[in-house]
């Protein structure tokens, strides 16, 4: 068993595991937020490209007399 320096009390393995799991959870939540942001941006880019290509397609159809 390890000992805490400041208080002189033993560190429980469960406490160590709990703090490691909390750090992992924080990292995972941060990665998830980044992924959600990327997905949102990709959706916006896709919608914008679709709008731009749709507008070009309509302009080409009108100018070719269709």
PDB file of N, CA and C in Angstrom:
ATOM      1  N   UNK A   1       0.848  -1.186   0.000  1.00  0.00           N
ATOM      2  CA  UNK A   1       0.000   0.000   0.000  1.00  0.00           C
ATOM      3  C   UNK A   1       0.891   1.246   0.000  1.00  0.00           C
ATOM      4  N   UNK A   2       0.551   2.226  -0.781  1.00  0.00           N
ATOM      5  CA  UNK A   2       1.313   3.478  -0.813  1.00  0.00           C
ATOM      6  C   UNK A   2       0.846   4.400   0.307  1.00  0.00           C
ATOM      7  N   UNK A   3       1.693   5.368   0.586  1.00  0.00           N
ATOM      8  CA  UNK A   3       1.353   6.314   1.641  1.00  0.00           C
ATOM      9  C   UNK A   3       1.289   7.721   1.074  1.00  0.00           C
ATOM     10  N   UNK A   4       0.316   8.451   1.556  1.00  0.00           N
ATOM     11  CA  UNK A   4       0.211   9.867   1.189  1.00  0.00           C
ATOM     12  C   UNK A   4       1.205  10.634   2.036  1.00  0.00           C
ATOM     13  N   UNK A   5       1.937  11.494   1.382  1.00  0.00           N
ATOM     14  CA  UNK A   5       2.966  12.237   2.114  1.00  0.00           C
ATOM     15  C   UNK A   5       2.359  13.289   3.037  1.00  0.00           C
ATOM     16  N   UNK A   6       1.385  14.024   2.551  1.00  0.00           N
ATOM     17  CA  UNK A   6       0.855  15.154   3.311  1.00  0.00           C
ATOM     18  C   UNK A   6       0.108  14.708   4.565  1.00  0.00           C
ATOM     19  N   UNK A   7      -0.697  13.687   4.435  1.00  0.00           N
ATOM     20  CA  UNK A   7      -1.552  13.308   5.560  1.00  0.00           C
ATOM     21  C   UNK A   7      -1.044  12.075   6.303  1.00  0.00           C
ATOM     22  N   UNK A   8      -0.130  11.348   5.688  1.00  0.00           N
ATOM     23  CA  UNK A   8       0.367  10.150   6.334  1.00  0.00           C
ATOM     24  C   UNK A   8      -0.624   8.999   6.321  1.00  0.00           C
ATOM     25  N   UNK A   9      -1.636   9.083   5.461  1.00  0.00           N
ATOM     26  CA  UNK A   9      -2.628   8.019   5.366  1.00  0.00           C
ATOM     27  C   UNK A   9      -2.344   7.169   4.131  1.00  0.00           C
ATOM     28  N   UNK A  10      -2.646   5.891   4.210  1.00  0.00           N
ATOM     29  CA  UNK A  10      -2.399   5.044   3.042  1.00  0.00           C
ATOM     30  C   UNK A  10      -3.323   5.401   1.881  1.00  0.00           C
ATOM     31  N   UNK A  11      -2.789   5.242   0.648  1.00  0.00           N
ATOM     32  CA  UNK A  11      -3.589   5.473  -0.553  1.00  0.00           C
ATOM     33  C   UNK A  11      -4.226   4.136  -0.940  1.00  0.00           C
ATOM     34  N   UNK A  12      -5.499   4.125  -1.055  1.00  0.00           N
ATOM     35  CA  UNK A  12      -6.220   2.925  -1.450  1.00  0.00           C
ATOM     36  C   UNK A  12      -6.109   2.748  -2.966  1.00  0.00           C
ATOM     37  N   UNK A  13      -5.920   1.523  -3.427  1.00  0.00           N
ATOM     38  CA  UNK A  13      -5.835   1.269  -4.868  1.00  0.00           C
ATOM     39  C   UNK A  13      -7.104   1.734  -5.578  1.00  0.00           C
ATOM     40  N   UNK A  14      -8.229   1.649  -4.898  1.00  0.00           N
ATOM     41  CA  UNK A  14      -9.484   2.106  -5.507  1.00  0.00           C
ATOM     42  C   UNK A  14      -9.459   3.608  -5.757  1.00  0.00           C
ATOM     43  N   UNK A  15      -8.840   4.348  -4.853  1.00  0.00           N
ATOM     44  CA  UNK A  15      -8.716   5.800  -5.046  1.00  0.00           C
ATOM     45  C   UNK A  15      -7.851   6.112  -6.259  1.00  0.00           C
ATOM     46  N   UNK A  16      -6.744   5.354  -6.401  1.00  0.00           N
ATOM     47  CA  UNK A  16      -5.874   5.550  -7.561  1.00  0.00           C
ATOM     48  C   UNK A  16      -6.622   5.241  -8.860  1.00  0.00           C
ATOM     49  N   UNK A  17      -7.345   4.127  -8.841  1.00  0.00           N
ATOM     50  CA  UNK A  17      -8.108   3.740 -10.034  1.00  0.00           C
ATOM     51  C   UNK A  17      -9.187   4.769 -10.340  1.00  0.00           C
ATOM     52  N   UNK A  18      -9.845   5.260  -9.313  1.00  0.00           N
ATOM     53  CA  UNK A  18     -10.893   6.256  -9.503  1.00  0.00           C
ATOM     54  C   UNK A  18     -10.337   7.529 -10.125  1.00  0.00           C
ATOM     55  N   UNK A  19      -9.170   7.994  -9.652  1.00  0.00           N
ATOM     56  CA  UNK A  19      -8.624   9.210 -10.251  1.00  0.00           C
ATOM     57  C   UNK A  19      -8.164   8.975 -11.678  1.00  0.00           C
ATOM     58  N   UNK A  20      -7.639   7.800 -11.970  1.00  0.00           N
ATOM     59  CA  UNK A  20      -7.254   7.481 -13.351  1.00  0.00           C
ATOM     60  C   UNK A  20      -8.491   7.430 -14.249  1.00  0.00           C
ATOM     61  N   UNK A  21      -9.549   6.827 -13.779  1.00  0.00           N
ATOM     62  CA  UNK A  21     -10.783   6.756 -14.569  1.00  0.00           C
ATOM     63  C   UNK A  21     -11.382   8.141 -14.797  1.00  0.00           C
ATOM     64  N   UNK A  22     -11.274   9.003 -13.808  1.00  0.00           N
ATOM     65  CA  UNK A  22     -11.778  10.370 -13.980  1.00  0.00           C
ATOM     66  C   UNK A  22     -10.968  11.126 -15.032  1.00  0.00           C
ATOM     67  N   UNK A  23      -9.636  10.953 -15.017  1.00  0.00           N
ATOM     68  CA  UNK A  23      -8.789  11.588 -16.046  1.00  0.00           C
ATOM     69  C   UNK A  23      -9.146  11.059 -17.430  1.00  0.00           C
ATOM     70  N   UNK A  24      -9.322   9.751 -17.534  1.00  0.00           N
ATOM     71  CA  UNK A  24      -9.683   9.159 -18.829  1.00  0.00           C
ATOM     72  C   UNK A  24     -11.045   9.667 -19.301  1.00  0.00           C
ATOM     73  N   UNK A  25     -11.981   9.803 -18.379  1.00  0.00           N
ATOM     74  CA  UNK A  25     -13.305  10.311 -18.732  1.00  0.00           C
ATOM     75  C   UNK A  25     -13.207  11.743 -19.259  1.00  0.00           C
ATOM     76  N   UNK A  26     -12.435  12.575 -18.590  1.00  0.00           N
ATOM     77  CA  UNK A  26     -12.264  13.960 -19.038  1.00  0.00           C
ATOM     78  C   UNK A  26     -11.658  14.010 -20.441  1.00  0.00           C
ATOM     79  N   UNK A  27     -10.626  13.192 -20.683  1.00  0.00           N
ATOM     80  CA  UNK A  27     -10.006  13.152 -22.022  1.00  0.00           C
ATOM     81  C   UNK A  27     -11.008  12.665 -23.061  1.00  0.00           C
ATOM     82  N   UNK A  28     -11.768  11.636 -22.721  1.00  0.00           N
ATOM     83  CA  UNK A  28     -12.752  11.088 -23.664  1.00  0.00           C
ATOM     84  C   UNK A  28     -13.838  12.108 -23.980  1.00  0.00           C
ATOM     85  N   UNK A  29     -14.291  12.830 -22.967  1.00  0.00           N
ATOM     86  CA  UNK A  29     -15.308  13.852 -23.194  1.00  0.00           C
ATOM     87  C   UNK A  29     -14.770  14.970 -24.079  1.00  0.00           C
ATOM     88  N   UNK A  30     -13.514  15.340 -23.895  1.00  0.00           N
ATOM     89  CA  UNK A  30     -12.904  16.377 -24.738  1.00  0.00           C
ATOM     90  C   UNK A  30     -12.787  15.895 -26.178  1.00  0.00           C
ATOM     91  N   UNK A  31     -12.376  14.638 -26.367  1.00  0.00           N
ATOM     92  CA  UNK A  31     -12.286  14.082 -27.716  1.00  0.00           C
ATOM     93  C   UNK A  31     -13.654  13.997 -28.370  1.00  0.00           C
ATOM     94  N   UNK A  32     -14.658  13.618 -27.597  1.00  0.00           N
ATOM     95  CA  UNK A  32     -16.019  13.544 -28.118  1.00  0.00           C
ATOM     96  C   UNK A  32     -16.496  14.914 -28.567  1.00  0.00           C
ATOM     97  N   UNK A  33     -16.220  15.946 -27.793  1.00  0.00           N
ATOM     98  CA  UNK A  33     -16.629  17.297 -28.168  1.00  0.00           C
ATOM     99  C   UNK A  33     -15.940  17.729 -29.457  1.00  0.00           C
ATOM    100  N   UNK A  34     -14.643  17.397 -29.595  1.00  0.00           N
ATOM    101  CA  UNK A  34     -13.927  17.718 -30.832  1.00  0.00           C
ATOM    102  C   UNK A  34     -14.553  17.005 -32.014  1.00  0.00           C
ATOM    103  N   UNK A  35     -14.887  15.728 -31.833  1.00  0.00           N
ATOM    104  CA  UNK A  35     -15.493  14.955 -32.920  1.00  0.00           C
ATOM    105  C   UNK A  35     -16.847  15.545 -33.303  1.00  0.00           C
ATOM    106  N   UNK A  36     -17.625  15.940 -32.330  1.00  0.00           N
ATOM    107  CA  UNK A  36     -18.934  16.547 -32.625  1.00  0.00           C
ATOM    108  C   UNK A  36     -18.761  17.853 -33.399  1.00  0.00           C
ATOM    109  N   UNK A  37     -17.757  18.632 -33.019  1.00  0.00           N
ATOM    110  CA  UNK A  37     -17.488  19.893 -33.715  1.00  0.00           C
ATOM    111  C   UNK A  37     -17.092  19.623 -35.165  1.00  0.00           C
ATOM    112  N   UNK A  38     -16.225  18.630 -35.373  1.00  0.00           N
ATOM    113  CA  UNK A  38     -15.796  18.281 -36.731  1.00  0.00           C
ATOM    114  C   UNK A  38     -16.993  17.822 -37.561  1.00  0.00           C
ATOM    115  N   UNK A  39     -17.840  16.991 -36.987  1.00  0.00           N
ATOM    116  CA  UNK A  39     -19.021  16.501 -37.703  1.00  0.00           C
ATOM    117  C   UNK A  39     -19.947  17.657 -38.074  1.00  0.00           C
ATOM    118  N   UNK A  40     -20.123  18.593 -37.153  1.00  0.00           N
ATOM    119  CA  UNK A  40     -20.970  19.756 -37.426  1.00  0.00           C
ATOM    120  C   UNK A  40     -20.386  20.591 -38.568  1.00  0.00           C
ATOM    121  N   UNK A  41     -19.081  20.809 -38.533  1.00  0.00           N
ATOM    122  CA  UNK A  41     -18.421  21.595 -39.589  1.00  0.00           C
ATOM    123  C   UNK A  41     -18.536  20.874 -40.927  1.00  0.00           C
ATOM    124  N   UNK A  42     -18.323  19.556 -40.914  1.00  0.00           N
ATOM    125  CA  UNK A  42     -18.441  18.785 -42.159  1.00  0.00           C
ATOM    126  C   UNK A  42     -19.852  18.880 -42.727  1.00  0.00           C
ATOM    127  N   UNK A  43     -20.840  18.855 -41.863  1.00  0.00           N
ATOM    128  CA  UNK A  43     -22.222  18.998 -42.313  1.00  0.00           C
ATOM    129  C   UNK A  43     -22.463  20.358 -42.938  1.00  0.00           C
ATOM    130  N   UNK A  44     -21.911  21.392 -42.322  1.00  0.00           N
ATOM    131  CA  UNK A  44     -22.059  22.745 -42.857  1.00  0.00           C
ATOM    132  C   UNK A  44     -21.372  22.888 -44.212  1.00  0.00           C
ATOM    133  N   UNK A  45     -20.171  22.317 -44.335  1.00  0.00           N
ATOM    134  CA  UNK A  45     -19.435  22.368 -45.597  1.00  0.00           C
ATOM    135  C   UNK A  45     -20.210  21.615 -46.680  1.00  0.00           C
ATOM    136  N   UNK A  46     -20.734  20.463 -46.316  1.00  0.00           N
ATOM    137  CA  UNK A  46     -21.501  19.666 -47.269  1.00  0.00           C
ATOM    138  C   UNK A  46     -22.732  20.425 -47.753  1.00  0.00           C
ATOM    139  N   UNK A  47     -23.445  21.044 -46.837  1.00  0.00           N
ATOM    140  CA  UNK A  47     -24.635  21.808 -47.202  1.00  0.00           C
ATOM    141  C   UNK A  47     -24.268  22.986 -48.103  1.00  0.00           C
ATOM    142  N   UNK A  48     -23.168  23.649 -47.782  1.00  0.00           N
ATOM    143  CA  UNK A  48     -22.722  24.788 -48.578  1.00  0.00           C
ATOM    144  C   UNK A  48     -22.331  24.348 -49.986  1.00  0.00           C
ATOM    145  N   UNK A  49     -21.572  23.253 -50.085  1.00  0.00           N
ATOM    146  CA  UNK A  49     -21.183  22.742 -51.405  1.00  0.00           C
ATOM    147  C   UNK A  49     -22.406  22.313 -52.205  1.00  0.00           C
ATOM    148  N   UNK A  50     -23.336  21.661 -51.545  1.00  0.00           N
ATOM    149  CA  UNK A  50     -24.563  21.235 -52.217  1.00  0.00           C
ATOM    150  C   UNK A  50     -25.324  22.451 -52.748  1.00  0.00           C
ATOM    151  N   UNK A  51     -25.384  23.483 -51.936  1.00  0.00           N
ATOM    152  CA  UNK A  51     -26.072  24.709 -52.343  1.00  0.00           C
ATOM    153  C   UNK A  51     -25.349  25.348 -53.530  1.00  0.00           C
ATOM    154  N   UNK A  52     -24.023  25.403 -53.447  1.00  0.00           N
ATOM    155  CA  UNK A  52     -23.256  26.023 -54.537  1.00  0.00           C
ATOM    156  C   UNK A  52     -23.380  25.214 -55.824  1.00  0.00           C
ATOM    157  N   UNK A  53     -23.272  23.910 -55.735  1.00  0.00           N
ATOM    158  CA  UNK A  53     -23.368  23.066 -56.918  1.00  0.00           C
ATOM    159  C   UNK A  53     -24.792  23.058 -57.476  1.00  0.00           C
ATOM    160  N   UNK A  54     -25.760  23.112 -56.590  1.00  0.00           N
ATOM    161  CA  UNK A  54     -27.161  23.176 -57.032  1.00  0.00           C
ATOM    162  C   UNK A  54     -27.430  24.467 -57.771  1.00  0.00           C
ATOM    163  N   UNK A  55     -26.862  25.568 -57.323  1.00  0.00           N
ATOM    164  CA  UNK A  55     -27.037  26.864 -57.974  1.00  0.00           C
ATOM    165  C   UNK A  55     -26.344  26.866 -59.328  1.00  0.00           C
ATOM    166  N   UNK A  56     -25.145  26.289 -59.406  1.00  0.00           N
ATOM    167  CA  UNK A  56     -24.431  26.216 -60.684  1.00  0.00           C
ATOM    168  C   UNK A  56     -25.182  25.349 -61.671  1.00  0.00           C
ATOM    169  N   UNK A  57     -25.710  24.236 -61.210  1.00  0.00           N
ATOM    170  CA  UNK A  57     -26.459  23.337 -62.088  1.00  0.00           C
ATOM    171  C   UNK A  57     -27.686  24.021 -62.654  1.00  0.00           C
ATOM    172  N   UNK A  58     -28.375  24.807 -61.844  1.00  0.00           N
ATOM    173  CA  UNK A  58     -29.567  25.521 -62.311  1.00  0.00           C
ATOM    174  C   UNK A  58     -29.176  26.599 -63.310  1.00  0.00           C
ATOM    175  N   UNK A  59     -28.058  27.281 -63.080  1.00  0.00           N
ATOM    176  CA  UNK A  59     -27.605  28.332 -63.993  1.00  0.00           C
ATOM    177  C   UNK A  59     -27.208  27.737 -65.337  1.00  0.00           C
ATOM    178  N   UNK A  60     -26.522  26.596 -65.309  1.00  0.00           N
ATOM    179  CA  UNK A  60     -26.099  25.959 -66.562  1.00  0.00           C
ATOM    180  C   UNK A  60     -27.310  25.477 -67.365  1.00  0.00           C
ATOM    181  N   UNK A  61     -28.305  24.959 -66.695  1.00  0.00           N
ATOM    182  CA  UNK A  61     -29.498  24.464 -67.374  1.00  0.00           C
ATOM    183  C   UNK A  61     -30.239  25.612 -68.072  1.00  0.00           C
ATOM    184  N   UNK A  62     -30.330  26.739 -67.382  1.00  0.00           N
ATOM    185  CA  UNK A  62     -31.038  27.887 -67.937  1.00  0.00           C
ATOM    186  C   UNK A  62     -30.274  28.484 -69.122  1.00  0.00           C
ATOM    187  N   UNK A  63     -28.949  28.529 -69.028  1.00  0.00           N
ATOM    188  CA  UNK A  63     -28.155  29.149 -70.101  1.00  0.00           C
ATOM    189  C   UNK A  63     -28.070  28.248 -71.327  1.00  0.00           C
ATOM    190  N   UNK A  64     -28.244  26.939 -71.176  1.00  0.00           N
ATOM    191  CA  UNK A  64     -28.168  26.056 -72.318  1.00  0.00           C
ATOM    192  C   UNK A  64     -29.542  25.896 -72.994  1.00  0.00           C
ATOM    193  N   UNK A  65     -30.560  26.536 -72.456  1.00  0.00           N
ATOM    194  CA  UNK A  65     -31.874  26.537 -73.080  1.00  0.00           C
ATOM    195  C   UNK A  65     -32.715  25.328 -72.720  1.00  0.00           C
ATOM    196  N   UNK A  66     -32.419  24.664 -71.681  1.00  0.00           N
ATOM    197  CA  UNK A  66     -33.206  23.495 -71.272  1.00  0.00           C
ATOM    198  C   UNK A  66     -34.397  23.861 -70.465  1.00  0.00           C
TER     199      UNK A  66
END
